[in-house]
Amino acid sequence: MPASSWVRIGGWVAVPLTLLALGWGLLSRPPSTSKASPAPAPRRDAPVTFVGDSLTAQGDWQAAFPDRVVYNQGVSGDTSFQLMARLPQIRRTDAGTYLVMVGINDIVWGYDPGRIAGRIQWLRTGLQIGTGARVIIQSTIPCASFRCGADGVRRVAELNALLARQTPPRDFVDLTPVMADGDGLRRAYTVDGVHLNAAGYARWTAQLRELGLP
């Protein structure tokens, strides 16, 4: 693809201009005045793809859900920008259900919660277009205050409030009540204030199972 057809966002990643135009164009459309038909439920034999950063990458999701074909599209260090760039690769998993959890690296790099939420919704739209897939947005698991400070915990909470408002309730999973307390990520669930230990992954998995997911 010619270099002129790519654009670099925020000094981080190059994204095809056509992909940007498609995604942002869809997100900026005025809402339809007609009622949309309910999306068909994903087939139980369709793959499930977990999407995110190192928190997703380090989870053994196939072992957690052995009755499903599970792909792990978590990449350590990824922000929402990198997930946008990886959209074609993620779509190639041909999943019936995508579970997205990203944002903590964006927060660490100082990005605005409103813009992070917008990029996550862009990704959600990009995974839905032409696939019929269900895309579940999980709240961003916060860092612990001893690692990122009270302001970091506050900005994650702001991001999650936006995601909750922007995502249909049936497709939003709030992990905060089970993974965090007033000081952010619970100490019992983390090895360093950001990444999870075995107990943290077990609690995350249990929450998904309690909700009948994936």
Protein backbone atom coordinates (compact mmCIF):
# COMPACT_ATOMS: atom_id res chain seq x y z
CA MET A 1 0.00 0.00 0.00
CA PRO A 2 1.46 3.43 -0.88
CA ALA A 3 2.84 5.34 2.08
CA SER A 4 0.54 8.26 1.28
CA SER A 5 -2.46 6.08 2.12
CA TRP A 6 -1.36 5.68 5.73
CA VAL A 7 -1.51 8.14 8.59
CA ARG A 8 0.43 8.16 11.86
CA ILE A 9 -1.68 8.83 14.95
CA GLY A 10 -0.15 10.60 17.91
CA GLY A 11 3.34 9.46 16.94
CA TRP A 12 2.42 5.86 17.68
CA VAL A 13 0.97 3.80 14.87
CA ALA A 14 0.29 4.02 11.18
CA VAL A 15 -3.31 3.29 10.21
CA PRO A 16 -4.70 3.03 6.67
CA LEU A 17 -6.58 6.19 5.75
CA THR A 18 -9.40 4.12 4.27
CA LEU A 19 -9.80 2.28 7.58
CA LEU A 20 -9.92 5.54 9.48
CA ALA A 21 -12.44 7.03 7.09
CA LEU A 22 -14.67 3.97 7.36
CA GLY A 23 -14.58 3.79 11.15
CA TRP A 24 -14.92 7.46 11.99
CA GLY A 25 -17.53 7.93 9.29
CA LEU A 26 -19.69 5.25 10.85
CA LEU A 27 -19.26 6.59 14.35
CA SER A 28 -20.17 10.11 13.26
CA ARG A 29 -23.39 9.15 11.48
CA PRO A 30 -26.57 10.52 13.04
CA PRO A 31 -28.63 7.83 14.76
CA SER A 32 -31.23 6.15 12.63
CA THR A 33 -34.85 7.03 13.25
CA SER A 34 -35.96 3.47 12.50
CA LYS A 35 -35.71 0.63 14.98
CA ALA A 36 -32.97 -1.84 14.14
CA SER A 37 -33.71 -5.54 14.17
CA PRO A 38 -32.07 -7.40 17.06
CA ALA A 39 -28.73 -8.90 16.10
CA PRO A 40 -28.79 -12.70 15.91
CA ALA A 41 -27.10 -14.46 18.81
CA PRO A 42 -23.62 -15.75 17.94
CA ARG A 43 -23.43 -19.49 17.31
CA ARG A 44 -22.12 -21.51 20.25
CA ASP A 45 -19.64 -23.20 17.89
CA ALA A 46 -18.23 -19.87 16.67
CA PRO A 47 -14.80 -18.87 18.01
CA VAL A 48 -14.38 -16.40 20.85
CA THR A 49 -11.61 -13.79 20.65
CA PHE A 50 -10.24 -11.88 23.64
CA VAL A 51 -8.82 -8.51 22.58
CA GLY A 52 -6.57 -6.20 24.56
CA ASP A 53 -3.14 -5.52 26.02
CA SER A 54 -0.87 -7.50 28.36
CA LEU A 55 -3.70 -8.11 30.84
CA THR A 56 -5.49 -10.05 28.10
CA ALA A 57 -2.30 -11.52 26.62
CA GLN A 58 -1.28 -13.16 29.89
CA GLY A 59 -4.63 -14.88 30.42
CA ASP A 60 -5.02 -18.54 29.48
CA TRP A 61 -8.49 -18.07 28.02
CA GLN A 62 -8.62 -21.38 26.19
CA ALA A 63 -8.07 -23.21 29.48
CA ALA A 64 -10.65 -20.96 31.15
CA PHE A 65 -13.30 -21.79 28.54
CA PRO A 66 -12.38 -25.27 27.26
CA ASP A 67 -15.77 -25.82 25.63
CA ARG A 68 -15.12 -23.00 23.14
CA VAL A 69 -12.52 -22.30 20.46
CA VAL A 70 -10.72 -19.28 21.92
CA TYR A 71 -8.22 -16.89 20.33
CA ASN A 72 -6.07 -14.51 22.34
CA GLN A 73 -5.49 -11.19 20.59
CA GLY A 74 -3.86 -9.49 23.56
CA VAL A 75 -0.51 -7.80 22.93
CA SER A 76 1.68 -6.46 25.72
CA GLY A 77 1.97 -2.68 25.70
CA ASP A 78 -0.92 -2.07 23.33
CA THR A 79 -2.98 1.08 23.64
CA SER A 80 -6.29 1.67 21.90
CA PHE A 81 -4.26 3.12 19.01
CA GLN A 82 -2.49 -0.20 18.41
CA LEU A 83 -5.77 -2.10 18.58
CA MET A 84 -7.16 0.16 15.87
CA ALA A 85 -4.14 -0.66 13.69
CA ARG A 86 -4.59 -4.39 14.39
CA LEU A 87 -8.28 -4.42 13.49
CA PRO A 88 -7.86 -6.42 10.23
CA GLN A 89 -5.75 -9.04 12.05
CA ILE A 90 -8.28 -9.32 14.87
CA ARG A 91 -11.18 -9.67 12.43
CA ARG A 92 -9.40 -12.57 10.71
CA THR A 93 -10.12 -14.73 13.77
CA ASP A 94 -13.71 -14.77 12.46
CA ALA A 95 -15.10 -14.83 15.99
CA GLY A 96 -18.76 -14.90 16.86
CA THR A 97 -17.98 -13.01 20.07
CA TYR A 98 -15.20 -10.53 20.83
CA LEU A 99 -14.38 -9.50 24.40
CA VAL A 100 -12.44 -6.23 24.48
CA MET A 101 -10.56 -4.87 27.49
CA VAL A 102 -8.02 -2.10 26.91
CA GLY A 103 -7.16 1.36 28.15
CA ILE A 104 -4.71 1.14 31.03
CA ASN A 105 -1.70 1.86 28.80
CA ASP A 106 -3.54 4.85 27.32
CA ILE A 107 -4.07 6.13 30.87
CA VAL A 108 -0.41 5.63 31.75
CA TRP A 109 0.60 7.61 28.66
CA GLY A 110 -1.69 10.45 29.72
CA TYR A 111 -4.34 10.21 27.00
CA ASP A 112 -7.72 11.83 27.57
CA PRO A 113 -10.36 9.36 28.85
CA GLY A 114 -12.96 10.74 26.43
CA ARG A 115 -10.73 10.11 23.44
CA ILE A 116 -9.78 6.66 24.70
CA ALA A 117 -13.47 5.76 24.99
CA GLY A 118 -14.05 7.04 21.46
CA ARG A 119 -11.30 4.82 20.08
CA ILE A 120 -12.68 1.78 21.92
CA GLN A 121 -16.11 2.44 20.42
CA TRP A 122 -14.47 2.82 17.00
CA LEU A 123 -12.95 -0.62 17.50
CA ARG A 124 -16.30 -2.05 18.55
CA THR A 125 -17.92 -0.74 15.38
CA GLY A 126 -15.05 -2.03 13.26
CA LEU A 127 -15.44 -5.54 14.69
CA GLN A 128 -19.19 -5.53 14.08
CA ILE A 129 -19.31 -4.27 10.49
CA GLY A 130 -20.19 -7.11 8.14
CA THR A 131 -19.54 -9.84 10.71
CA GLY A 132 -22.70 -10.13 12.78
CA ALA A 133 -20.41 -10.65 15.77
CA ARG A 134 -21.26 -9.67 19.29
CA VAL A 135 -18.66 -7.27 20.70
CA ILE A 136 -18.53 -7.07 24.48
CA ILE A 137 -16.72 -4.12 26.02
CA GLN A 138 -15.27 -4.87 29.43
CA SER A 139 -14.45 -2.02 31.77
CA THR A 140 -10.76 -1.16 31.95
CA ILE A 141 -9.23 -2.88 34.96
CA PRO A 142 -7.65 -0.05 36.98
CA CYS A 143 -4.13 0.13 38.24
CA ALA A 144 -3.53 0.20 41.99
CA SER A 145 -3.04 3.63 43.52
CA PHE A 146 0.39 2.63 44.88
CA ARG A 147 1.46 2.16 41.23
CA CYS A 148 -0.31 4.95 39.33
CA GLY A 149 -1.50 7.31 42.04
CA ALA A 150 -4.98 8.49 42.93
CA ASP A 151 -5.21 10.49 39.69
CA GLY A 152 -4.59 7.38 37.60
CA VAL A 153 -7.35 5.52 39.47
CA ARG A 154 -9.68 8.50 38.98
CA ARG A 155 -9.03 8.69 35.23
CA VAL A 156 -9.71 4.97 34.78
CA ALA A 157 -13.02 5.48 36.61
CA GLU A 158 -13.82 8.37 34.25
CA LEU A 159 -13.04 6.18 31.24
CA ASN A 160 -15.22 3.36 32.54
CA ALA A 161 -18.14 5.70 33.20
CA LEU A 162 -17.95 6.81 29.56
CA LEU A 163 -17.76 3.23 28.29
CA ALA A 164 -20.79 2.29 30.38
CA ARG A 165 -22.81 5.15 28.89
CA GLN A 166 -21.70 4.52 25.31
CA THR A 167 -22.10 0.74 25.19
CA PRO A 168 -25.46 -1.08 25.14
CA PRO A 169 -26.00 -2.53 28.63
CA ARG A 170 -26.12 -6.13 27.41
CA ASP A 171 -22.70 -5.70 25.81
CA PHE A 172 -20.93 -4.00 28.72
CA VAL A 173 -19.24 -5.89 31.54
CA ASP A 174 -18.27 -3.83 34.58
CA LEU A 175 -15.29 -5.58 36.16
CA THR A 176 -14.59 -2.79 38.66
CA PRO A 177 -16.82 -4.05 41.52
CA VAL A 178 -15.07 -7.41 41.62
CA MET A 179 -11.51 -6.39 40.66
CA ALA A 180 -11.03 -3.08 42.47
CA ASP A 181 -11.68 -1.15 45.66
CA GLY A 182 -11.25 2.51 46.62
CA ASP A 183 -7.50 2.25 45.98
CA GLY A 184 -7.83 0.78 42.49
CA LEU A 185 -6.84 -2.78 41.62
CA ARG A 186 -7.08 -4.97 44.71
CA ARG A 187 -3.69 -5.99 46.12
CA ALA A 188 -4.86 -9.60 46.33
CA TYR A 189 -5.21 -9.72 42.54
CA THR A 190 -1.98 -8.11 41.33
CA VAL A 191 1.73 -8.81 41.14
CA ASP A 192 2.84 -5.21 40.58
CA GLY A 193 -0.14 -2.88 40.74
CA VAL A 194 -1.07 -3.35 37.07
CA HIS A 195 -0.71 -6.98 36.01
CA LEU A 196 -2.78 -9.79 37.46
CA ASN A 197 -1.82 -12.86 39.42
CA ALA A 198 -3.60 -16.22 39.27
CA ALA A 199 -6.26 -15.06 41.74
CA GLY A 200 -6.97 -12.00 39.59
CA TYR A 201 -7.47 -14.06 36.45
CA ALA A 202 -9.63 -16.52 38.35
CA ARG A 203 -11.89 -13.69 39.55
CA TRP A 204 -12.11 -12.14 36.08
CA THR A 205 -13.01 -15.51 34.58
CA ALA A 206 -15.57 -16.18 37.32
CA GLN A 207 -17.27 -12.85 36.62
CA LEU A 208 -17.63 -13.69 32.94
CA ARG A 209 -19.02 -17.11 33.80
CA GLU A 210 -21.49 -15.60 36.28
CA LEU A 211 -22.82 -13.44 33.44
CA GLY A 212 -23.13 -16.42 31.10
CA LEU A 213 -20.25 -15.29 28.93
CA PRO A 214 -18.81 -15.85 26.45
